[in-house]
ModelCIF file with pLDDT and N, C-alpha, C, O atoms, coordinates in Angstrom:
data_MODEL
#
_entry.id   MODEL 
#
_entity.id                         1 
_entity.type                       polymer 
_entity.pdbx_number_of_molecules   1 
#
_entity_poly.entity_id                      1 
_entity_poly.type                           'polypeptide(L)' 
_entity_poly.nstd_linkage                   no 
_entity_poly.nstd_monomer                   no 
_entity_poly.pdbx_seq_one_letter_code       YGGACAATIYEMGTSSYKTIKGITEIFSIWISPPAW 
_entity_poly.pdbx_seq_one_letter_code_can   YGGACAATIYEMGTSSYKTIKGITEIFSIWISPPAW 
_entity_poly.pdbx_strand_id                 A 
#
loop_
_entity_poly_seq.entity_id 
_entity_poly_seq.num 
_entity_poly_seq.mon_id 
_entity_poly_seq.hetero 
1 1  TYR n 
1 2  GLY n 
1 3  GLY n 
1 4  ALA n 
1 5  CYS n 
1 6  ALA n 
1 7  ALA n 
1 8  THR n 
1 9  ILE n 
1 10 TYR n 
1 11 GLU n 
1 12 MET n 
1 13 GLY n 
1 14 THR n 
1 15 SER n 
1 16 SER n 
1 17 TYR n 
1 18 LYS n 
1 19 THR n 
1 20 ILE n 
1 21 LYS n 
1 22 GLY n 
1 23 ILE n 
1 24 THR n 
1 25 GLU n 
1 26 ILE n 
1 27 PHE n 
1 28 SER n 
1 29 ILE n 
1 30 TRP n 
1 31 ILE n 
1 32 SER n 
1 33 PRO n 
1 34 PRO n 
1 35 ALA n 
1 36 TRP n 
#
_struct_asym.id          A 
_struct_asym.entity_id   1 
#
loop_
_ma_qa_metric.id 
_ma_qa_metric.mode 
_ma_qa_metric.name 
_ma_qa_metric.software_group_id 
_ma_qa_metric.type 
1 global pLDDT . pLDDT 
2 local  pLDDT . pLDDT 
#
_ma_qa_metric_global.metric_id      1 
_ma_qa_metric_global.metric_value   91.28 
_ma_qa_metric_global.model_id       1 
_ma_qa_metric_global.ordinal_id     1 
#
loop_
_ma_qa_metric_local.label_asym_id 
_ma_qa_metric_local.label_comp_id 
_ma_qa_metric_local.label_seq_id 
_ma_qa_metric_local.metric_id 
_ma_qa_metric_local.metric_value 
_ma_qa_metric_local.model_id 
_ma_qa_metric_local.ordinal_id 
A TYR 1  2 94.00 1 1  
A GLY 2  2 91.00 1 2  
A GLY 3  2 91.00 1 3  
A ALA 4  2 92.00 1 4  
A CYS 5  2 91.00 1 5  
A ALA 6  2 92.00 1 6  
A ALA 7  2 91.00 1 7  
A THR 8  2 92.00 1 8  
A ILE 9  2 93.00 1 9  
A TYR 10 2 93.00 1 10 
A GLU 11 2 91.00 1 11 
A MET 12 2 92.00 1 12 
A GLY 13 2 92.00 1 13 
A THR 14 2 91.00 1 14 
A SER 15 2 89.00 1 15 
A SER 16 2 88.00 1 16 
A TYR 17 2 90.00 1 17 
A LYS 18 2 89.00 1 18 
A THR 19 2 88.00 1 19 
A ILE 20 2 89.00 1 20 
A LYS 21 2 87.00 1 21 
A GLY 22 2 87.00 1 22 
A ILE 23 2 86.00 1 23 
A THR 24 2 89.00 1 24 
A GLU 25 2 92.00 1 25 
A ILE 26 2 94.00 1 26 
A PHE 27 2 95.00 1 27 
A SER 28 2 94.00 1 28 
A ILE 29 2 95.00 1 29 
A TRP 30 2 94.00 1 30 
A ILE 31 2 94.00 1 31 
A SER 32 2 91.00 1 32 
A PRO 33 2 93.00 1 33 
A PRO 34 2 93.00 1 34 
A ALA 35 2 91.00 1 35 
A TRP 36 2 92.00 1 36 
#
loop_
_atom_site.group_PDB 
_atom_site.id 
_atom_site.type_symbol 
_atom_site.label_atom_id 
_atom_site.label_alt_id 
_atom_site.label_comp_id 
_atom_site.label_asym_id 
_atom_site.label_entity_id 
_atom_site.label_seq_id 
_atom_site.pdbx_PDB_ins_code 
_atom_site.Cartn_x 
_atom_site.Cartn_y 
_atom_site.Cartn_z 
_atom_site.occupancy 
_atom_site.B_iso_or_equiv 
_atom_site.pdbx_formal_charge 
_atom_site.auth_seq_id 
_atom_site.auth_comp_id 
_atom_site.auth_asym_id 
_atom_site.auth_atom_id 
_atom_site.pdbx_PDB_model_num 
ATOM 1   N N  . TYR A 1 1  ? 10.453 -10.501 -22.445 1.00 94.00 ? 1  TYR A N  1 
ATOM 2   C CA . TYR A 1 1  ? 9.362  -9.549  -23.395 1.00 94.00 ? 1  TYR A CA 1 
ATOM 3   C C  . TYR A 1 1  ? 9.930  -9.728  -25.028 1.00 94.00 ? 1  TYR A C  1 
ATOM 4   O O  . TYR A 1 1  ? 11.039 -10.188 -25.299 1.00 94.00 ? 1  TYR A O  1 
ATOM 5   N N  . GLY A 1 2  ? 9.260  -9.417  -25.702 1.00 91.00 ? 2  GLY A N  1 
ATOM 6   C CA . GLY A 1 2  ? 10.246 -8.645  -26.835 1.00 91.00 ? 2  GLY A CA 1 
ATOM 7   C C  . GLY A 1 2  ? 9.260  -7.536  -27.507 1.00 91.00 ? 2  GLY A C  1 
ATOM 8   O O  . GLY A 1 2  ? 8.552  -7.539  -28.514 1.00 91.00 ? 2  GLY A O  1 
ATOM 9   N N  . GLY A 1 3  ? 9.586  -6.428  -26.316 1.00 91.00 ? 3  GLY A N  1 
ATOM 10  C CA . GLY A 1 3  ? 9.031  -5.300  -26.728 1.00 91.00 ? 3  GLY A CA 1 
ATOM 11  C C  . GLY A 1 3  ? 9.326  -4.556  -25.239 1.00 91.00 ? 3  GLY A C  1 
ATOM 12  O O  . GLY A 1 3  ? 9.107  -5.386  -24.356 1.00 91.00 ? 3  GLY A O  1 
ATOM 13  N N  . ALA A 1 4  ? 9.750  -3.266  -24.680 1.00 92.00 ? 4  ALA A N  1 
ATOM 14  C CA . ALA A 1 4  ? 9.855  -2.791  -23.850 1.00 92.00 ? 4  ALA A CA 1 
ATOM 15  C C  . ALA A 1 4  ? 8.931  -2.183  -23.908 1.00 92.00 ? 4  ALA A C  1 
ATOM 16  O O  . ALA A 1 4  ? 8.538  -1.726  -24.982 1.00 92.00 ? 4  ALA A O  1 
ATOM 17  N N  . CYS A 1 5  ? 8.059  -1.920  -22.321 1.00 91.00 ? 5  CYS A N  1 
ATOM 18  C CA . CYS A 1 5  ? 7.314  -0.837  -22.186 1.00 91.00 ? 5  CYS A CA 1 
ATOM 19  C C  . CYS A 1 5  ? 7.005  -0.376  -21.325 1.00 91.00 ? 5  CYS A C  1 
ATOM 20  O O  . CYS A 1 5  ? 6.640  -1.085  -20.388 1.00 91.00 ? 5  CYS A O  1 
ATOM 21  N N  . ALA A 1 6  ? 6.993  1.344   -21.183 1.00 92.00 ? 6  ALA A N  1 
ATOM 22  C CA . ALA A 1 6  ? 7.255  2.060   -20.019 1.00 92.00 ? 6  ALA A CA 1 
ATOM 23  C C  . ALA A 1 6  ? 5.994  1.896   -19.263 1.00 92.00 ? 6  ALA A C  1 
ATOM 24  O O  . ALA A 1 6  ? 6.055  2.207   -18.073 1.00 92.00 ? 6  ALA A O  1 
ATOM 25  N N  . ALA A 1 7  ? 5.352  1.653   -19.522 1.00 91.00 ? 7  ALA A N  1 
ATOM 26  C CA . ALA A 1 7  ? 3.731  1.679   -18.048 1.00 91.00 ? 7  ALA A CA 1 
ATOM 27  C C  . ALA A 1 7  ? 4.060  0.374   -17.956 1.00 91.00 ? 7  ALA A C  1 
ATOM 28  O O  . ALA A 1 7  ? 3.224  0.659   -17.100 1.00 91.00 ? 7  ALA A O  1 
ATOM 29  N N  . THR A 1 8  ? 4.428  -0.867  -17.932 1.00 92.00 ? 8  THR A N  1 
ATOM 30  C CA . THR A 1 8  ? 5.091  -2.149  -17.159 1.00 92.00 ? 8  THR A CA 1 
ATOM 31  C C  . THR A 1 8  ? 5.740  -2.472  -16.347 1.00 92.00 ? 8  THR A C  1 
ATOM 32  O O  . THR A 1 8  ? 5.664  -3.301  -15.439 1.00 92.00 ? 8  THR A O  1 
ATOM 33  N N  . ILE A 1 9  ? 6.910  -1.299  -16.912 1.00 93.00 ? 9  ILE A N  1 
ATOM 34  C CA . ILE A 1 9  ? 7.858  -1.633  -15.927 1.00 93.00 ? 9  ILE A CA 1 
ATOM 35  C C  . ILE A 1 9  ? 7.638  -0.039  -14.990 1.00 93.00 ? 9  ILE A C  1 
ATOM 36  O O  . ILE A 1 9  ? 8.410  -0.255  -14.056 1.00 93.00 ? 9  ILE A O  1 
ATOM 37  N N  . TYR A 1 10 ? 7.255  0.873   -14.819 1.00 93.00 ? 10 TYR A N  1 
ATOM 38  C CA . TYR A 1 10 ? 6.632  1.585   -14.157 1.00 93.00 ? 10 TYR A CA 1 
ATOM 39  C C  . TYR A 1 10 ? 5.590  0.656   -13.293 1.00 93.00 ? 10 TYR A C  1 
ATOM 40  O O  . TYR A 1 10 ? 5.891  0.254   -12.169 1.00 93.00 ? 10 TYR A O  1 
ATOM 41  N N  . GLU A 1 11 ? 4.631  0.425   -13.775 1.00 91.00 ? 11 GLU A N  1 
ATOM 42  C CA . GLU A 1 11 ? 3.809  -0.298  -12.768 1.00 91.00 ? 11 GLU A CA 1 
ATOM 43  C C  . GLU A 1 11 ? 4.455  -1.498  -11.880 1.00 91.00 ? 11 GLU A C  1 
ATOM 44  O O  . GLU A 1 11 ? 3.722  -2.067  -11.072 1.00 91.00 ? 11 GLU A O  1 
ATOM 45  N N  . MET A 1 12 ? 5.579  -1.826  -11.992 1.00 92.00 ? 12 MET A N  1 
ATOM 46  C CA . MET A 1 12 ? 6.213  -2.774  -10.930 1.00 92.00 ? 12 MET A CA 1 
ATOM 47  C C  . MET A 1 12 ? 6.584  -2.215  -9.952  1.00 92.00 ? 12 MET A C  1 
ATOM 48  O O  . MET A 1 12 ? 6.968  -2.935  -9.030  1.00 92.00 ? 12 MET A O  1 
ATOM 49  N N  . GLY A 1 13 ? 6.619  -0.651  -9.759  1.00 92.00 ? 13 GLY A N  1 
ATOM 50  C CA . GLY A 1 13 ? 7.389  -0.070  -8.825  1.00 92.00 ? 13 GLY A CA 1 
ATOM 51  C C  . GLY A 1 13 ? 6.134  0.229   -7.788  1.00 92.00 ? 13 GLY A C  1 
ATOM 52  O O  . GLY A 1 13 ? 6.385  0.169   -6.584  1.00 92.00 ? 13 GLY A O  1 
ATOM 53  N N  . THR A 1 14 ? 4.743  0.561   -8.234  1.00 91.00 ? 14 THR A N  1 
ATOM 54  C CA . THR A 1 14 ? 3.303  0.666   -7.793  1.00 91.00 ? 14 THR A CA 1 
ATOM 55  C C  . THR A 1 14 ? 3.356  0.271   -6.541  1.00 91.00 ? 14 THR A C  1 
ATOM 56  O O  . THR A 1 14 ? 4.280  -0.513  -6.325  1.00 91.00 ? 14 THR A O  1 
ATOM 57  N N  . SER A 1 15 ? 2.398  0.650   -5.235  1.00 89.00 ? 15 SER A N  1 
ATOM 58  C CA . SER A 1 15 ? 2.692  -0.229  -4.608  1.00 89.00 ? 15 SER A CA 1 
ATOM 59  C C  . SER A 1 15 ? 1.256  -0.782  -4.524  1.00 89.00 ? 15 SER A C  1 
ATOM 60  O O  . SER A 1 15 ? 0.931  -1.465  -3.552  1.00 89.00 ? 15 SER A O  1 
ATOM 61  N N  . SER A 1 16 ? 0.414  -0.512  -5.487  1.00 88.00 ? 16 SER A N  1 
ATOM 62  C CA . SER A 1 16 ? -0.524 -1.358  -5.885  1.00 88.00 ? 16 SER A CA 1 
ATOM 63  C C  . SER A 1 16 ? -0.035 -2.967  -6.230  1.00 88.00 ? 16 SER A C  1 
ATOM 64  O O  . SER A 1 16 ? -0.410 -4.000  -5.676  1.00 88.00 ? 16 SER A O  1 
ATOM 65  N N  . TYR A 1 17 ? 0.873  -2.803  -7.271  1.00 90.00 ? 17 TYR A N  1 
ATOM 66  C CA . TYR A 1 17 ? 1.535  -3.718  -7.964  1.00 90.00 ? 17 TYR A CA 1 
ATOM 67  C C  . TYR A 1 17 ? 2.361  -5.393  -6.913  1.00 90.00 ? 17 TYR A C  1 
ATOM 68  O O  . TYR A 1 17 ? 2.394  -6.613  -7.078  1.00 90.00 ? 17 TYR A O  1 
ATOM 69  N N  . LYS A 1 18 ? 2.845  -4.447  -5.956  1.00 89.00 ? 18 LYS A N  1 
ATOM 70  C CA . LYS A 1 18 ? 3.856  -5.129  -5.138  1.00 89.00 ? 18 LYS A CA 1 
ATOM 71  C C  . LYS A 1 18 ? 2.885  -5.553  -4.091  1.00 89.00 ? 18 LYS A C  1 
ATOM 72  O O  . LYS A 1 18 ? 3.188  -6.651  -3.626  1.00 89.00 ? 18 LYS A O  1 
ATOM 73  N N  . THR A 1 19 ? 1.387  -4.813  -3.370  1.00 88.00 ? 19 THR A N  1 
ATOM 74  C CA . THR A 1 19 ? 1.025  -5.388  -2.725  1.00 88.00 ? 19 THR A CA 1 
ATOM 75  C C  . THR A 1 19 ? 0.267  -6.875  -3.540  1.00 88.00 ? 19 THR A C  1 
ATOM 76  O O  . THR A 1 19 ? 0.270  -8.008  -3.058  1.00 88.00 ? 19 THR A O  1 
ATOM 77  N N  . ILE A 1 20 ? -0.365 -6.448  -4.920  1.00 89.00 ? 20 ILE A N  1 
ATOM 78  C CA . ILE A 1 20 ? -0.763 -8.808  -5.466  1.00 89.00 ? 20 ILE A CA 1 
ATOM 79  C C  . ILE A 1 20 ? 0.095  -9.059  -5.806  1.00 89.00 ? 20 ILE A C  1 
ATOM 80  O O  . ILE A 1 20 ? -0.088 -10.106 -6.427  1.00 89.00 ? 20 ILE A O  1 
ATOM 81  N N  . LYS A 1 21 ? 1.551  -8.667  -5.867  1.00 87.00 ? 21 LYS A N  1 
ATOM 82  C CA . LYS A 1 21 ? 2.636  -9.367  -6.205  1.00 87.00 ? 21 LYS A CA 1 
ATOM 83  C C  . LYS A 1 21 ? 3.160  -10.067 -4.590  1.00 87.00 ? 21 LYS A C  1 
ATOM 84  O O  . LYS A 1 21 ? 3.840  -11.093 -4.610  1.00 87.00 ? 21 LYS A O  1 
ATOM 85  N N  . GLY A 1 22 ? 2.864  -9.561  -3.545  1.00 87.00 ? 22 GLY A N  1 
ATOM 86  C CA . GLY A 1 22 ? 3.143  -10.345 -2.406  1.00 87.00 ? 22 GLY A CA 1 
ATOM 87  C C  . GLY A 1 22 ? 4.977  -10.481 -2.159  1.00 87.00 ? 22 GLY A C  1 
ATOM 88  O O  . GLY A 1 22 ? 5.858  -9.622  -2.173  1.00 87.00 ? 22 GLY A O  1 
ATOM 89  N N  . ILE A 1 23 ? 4.999  -11.467 -2.014  1.00 86.00 ? 23 ILE A N  1 
ATOM 90  C CA . ILE A 1 23 ? 6.559  -12.363 -1.554  1.00 86.00 ? 23 ILE A CA 1 
ATOM 91  C C  . ILE A 1 23 ? 6.896  -13.160 -2.859  1.00 86.00 ? 23 ILE A C  1 
ATOM 92  O O  . ILE A 1 23 ? 7.821  -13.973 -2.840  1.00 86.00 ? 23 ILE A O  1 
ATOM 93  N N  . THR A 1 24 ? 6.152  -12.938 -4.006  1.00 89.00 ? 24 THR A N  1 
ATOM 94  C CA . THR A 1 24 ? 6.803  -13.353 -5.021  1.00 89.00 ? 24 THR A CA 1 
ATOM 95  C C  . THR A 1 24 ? 7.929  -12.765 -5.518  1.00 89.00 ? 24 THR A C  1 
ATOM 96  O O  . THR A 1 24 ? 8.154  -11.577 -5.287  1.00 89.00 ? 24 THR A O  1 
ATOM 97  N N  . GLU A 1 25 ? 8.696  -13.464 -6.196  1.00 92.00 ? 25 GLU A N  1 
ATOM 98  C CA . GLU A 1 25 ? 9.850  -12.490 -6.901  1.00 92.00 ? 25 GLU A CA 1 
ATOM 99  C C  . GLU A 1 25 ? 10.066 -13.072 -8.090  1.00 92.00 ? 25 GLU A C  1 
ATOM 100 O O  . GLU A 1 25 ? 10.136 -14.240 -8.474  1.00 92.00 ? 25 GLU A O  1 
ATOM 101 N N  . ILE A 1 26 ? 10.189 -11.664 -8.761  1.00 94.00 ? 26 ILE A N  1 
ATOM 102 C CA . ILE A 1 26 ? 10.166 -11.378 -10.408 1.00 94.00 ? 26 ILE A CA 1 
ATOM 103 C C  . ILE A 1 26 ? 11.263 -11.131 -10.671 1.00 94.00 ? 26 ILE A C  1 
ATOM 104 O O  . ILE A 1 26 ? 11.971 -10.444 -9.934  1.00 94.00 ? 26 ILE A O  1 
ATOM 105 N N  . PHE A 1 27 ? 11.746 -11.754 -12.042 1.00 95.00 ? 27 PHE A N  1 
ATOM 106 C CA . PHE A 1 27 ? 12.691 -11.533 -12.753 1.00 95.00 ? 27 PHE A CA 1 
ATOM 107 C C  . PHE A 1 27 ? 12.416 -11.443 -14.298 1.00 95.00 ? 27 PHE A C  1 
ATOM 108 O O  . PHE A 1 27 ? 11.661 -12.212 -14.894 1.00 95.00 ? 27 PHE A O  1 
ATOM 109 N N  . SER A 1 28 ? 13.079 -10.472 -14.845 1.00 94.00 ? 28 SER A N  1 
ATOM 110 C CA . SER A 1 28 ? 12.836 -9.683  -16.706 1.00 94.00 ? 28 SER A CA 1 
ATOM 111 C C  . SER A 1 28 ? 13.444 -10.199 -17.436 1.00 94.00 ? 28 SER A C  1 
ATOM 112 O O  . SER A 1 28 ? 14.631 -10.415 -17.190 1.00 94.00 ? 28 SER A O  1 
ATOM 113 N N  . ILE A 1 29 ? 13.197 -10.368 -17.939 1.00 95.00 ? 29 ILE A N  1 
ATOM 114 C CA . ILE A 1 29 ? 14.053 -10.543 -19.307 1.00 95.00 ? 29 ILE A CA 1 
ATOM 115 C C  . ILE A 1 29 ? 13.506 -9.864  -21.085 1.00 95.00 ? 29 ILE A C  1 
ATOM 116 O O  . ILE A 1 29 ? 12.587 -10.188 -21.838 1.00 95.00 ? 29 ILE A O  1 
ATOM 117 N N  . TRP A 1 30 ? 14.887 -8.562  -21.200 1.00 94.00 ? 30 TRP A N  1 
ATOM 118 C CA . TRP A 1 30 ? 14.184 -8.535  -22.534 1.00 94.00 ? 30 TRP A CA 1 
ATOM 119 C C  . TRP A 1 30 ? 15.075 -8.876  -23.941 1.00 94.00 ? 30 TRP A C  1 
ATOM 120 O O  . TRP A 1 30 ? 16.240 -8.482  -24.010 1.00 94.00 ? 30 TRP A O  1 
ATOM 121 N N  . ILE A 1 31 ? 14.577 -9.482  -24.837 1.00 94.00 ? 31 ILE A N  1 
ATOM 122 C CA . ILE A 1 31 ? 15.558 -9.511  -26.396 1.00 94.00 ? 31 ILE A CA 1 
ATOM 123 C C  . ILE A 1 31 ? 15.367 -9.104  -26.758 1.00 94.00 ? 31 ILE A C  1 
ATOM 124 O O  . ILE A 1 31 ? 14.236 -9.022  -27.236 1.00 94.00 ? 31 ILE A O  1 
ATOM 125 N N  . SER A 1 32 ? 16.313 -8.366  -26.935 1.00 91.00 ? 32 SER A N  1 
ATOM 126 C CA . SER A 1 32 ? 17.137 -7.344  -27.809 1.00 91.00 ? 32 SER A CA 1 
ATOM 127 C C  . SER A 1 32 ? 17.861 -7.020  -28.932 1.00 91.00 ? 32 SER A C  1 
ATOM 128 O O  . SER A 1 32 ? 19.009 -6.660  -28.670 1.00 91.00 ? 32 SER A O  1 
ATOM 129 N N  . PRO A 1 33 ? 17.505 -7.032  -30.346 1.00 93.00 ? 33 PRO A N  1 
ATOM 130 C CA . PRO A 1 33 ? 16.368 -7.058  -30.506 1.00 93.00 ? 33 PRO A CA 1 
ATOM 131 C C  . PRO A 1 33 ? 15.130 -7.768  -30.779 1.00 93.00 ? 33 PRO A C  1 
ATOM 132 O O  . PRO A 1 33 ? 15.516 -8.199  -31.866 1.00 93.00 ? 33 PRO A O  1 
ATOM 133 N N  . PRO A 1 34 ? 14.039 -8.206  -30.681 1.00 93.00 ? 34 PRO A N  1 
ATOM 134 C CA . PRO A 1 34 ? 13.321 -6.523  -31.231 1.00 93.00 ? 34 PRO A CA 1 
ATOM 135 C C  . PRO A 1 34 ? 13.181 -6.175  -30.233 1.00 93.00 ? 34 PRO A C  1 
ATOM 136 O O  . PRO A 1 34 ? 11.955 -6.185  -30.341 1.00 93.00 ? 34 PRO A O  1 
ATOM 137 N N  . ALA A 1 35 ? 13.414 -5.646  -28.690 1.00 91.00 ? 35 ALA A N  1 
ATOM 138 C CA . ALA A 1 35 ? 12.743 -5.006  -27.802 1.00 91.00 ? 35 ALA A CA 1 
ATOM 139 C C  . ALA A 1 35 ? 14.443 -4.112  -27.650 1.00 91.00 ? 35 ALA A C  1 
ATOM 140 O O  . ALA A 1 35 ? 15.619 -4.351  -27.924 1.00 91.00 ? 35 ALA A O  1 
ATOM 141 N N  . TRP A 1 36 ? 13.646 -3.028  -27.057 1.00 92.00 ? 36 TRP A N  1 
ATOM 142 C CA . TRP A 1 36 ? 14.747 -1.516  -27.112 1.00 92.00 ? 36 TRP A CA 1 
ATOM 143 C C  . TRP A 1 36 ? 15.658 -2.181  -25.629 1.00 92.00 ? 36 TRP A C  1 
ATOM 144 O O  . TRP A 1 36 ? 16.599 -1.549  -25.149 1.00 92.00 ? 36 TRP A O  1 
#
């Protein structure tokens, strides 16, 4: 990501997102700057 979005991060903790994700592993990278 080139920007940090609170809603995107919050969504990752919801049960609906985790259900869609299933066993897939997610690793996030923020490039700062421009991201906070």
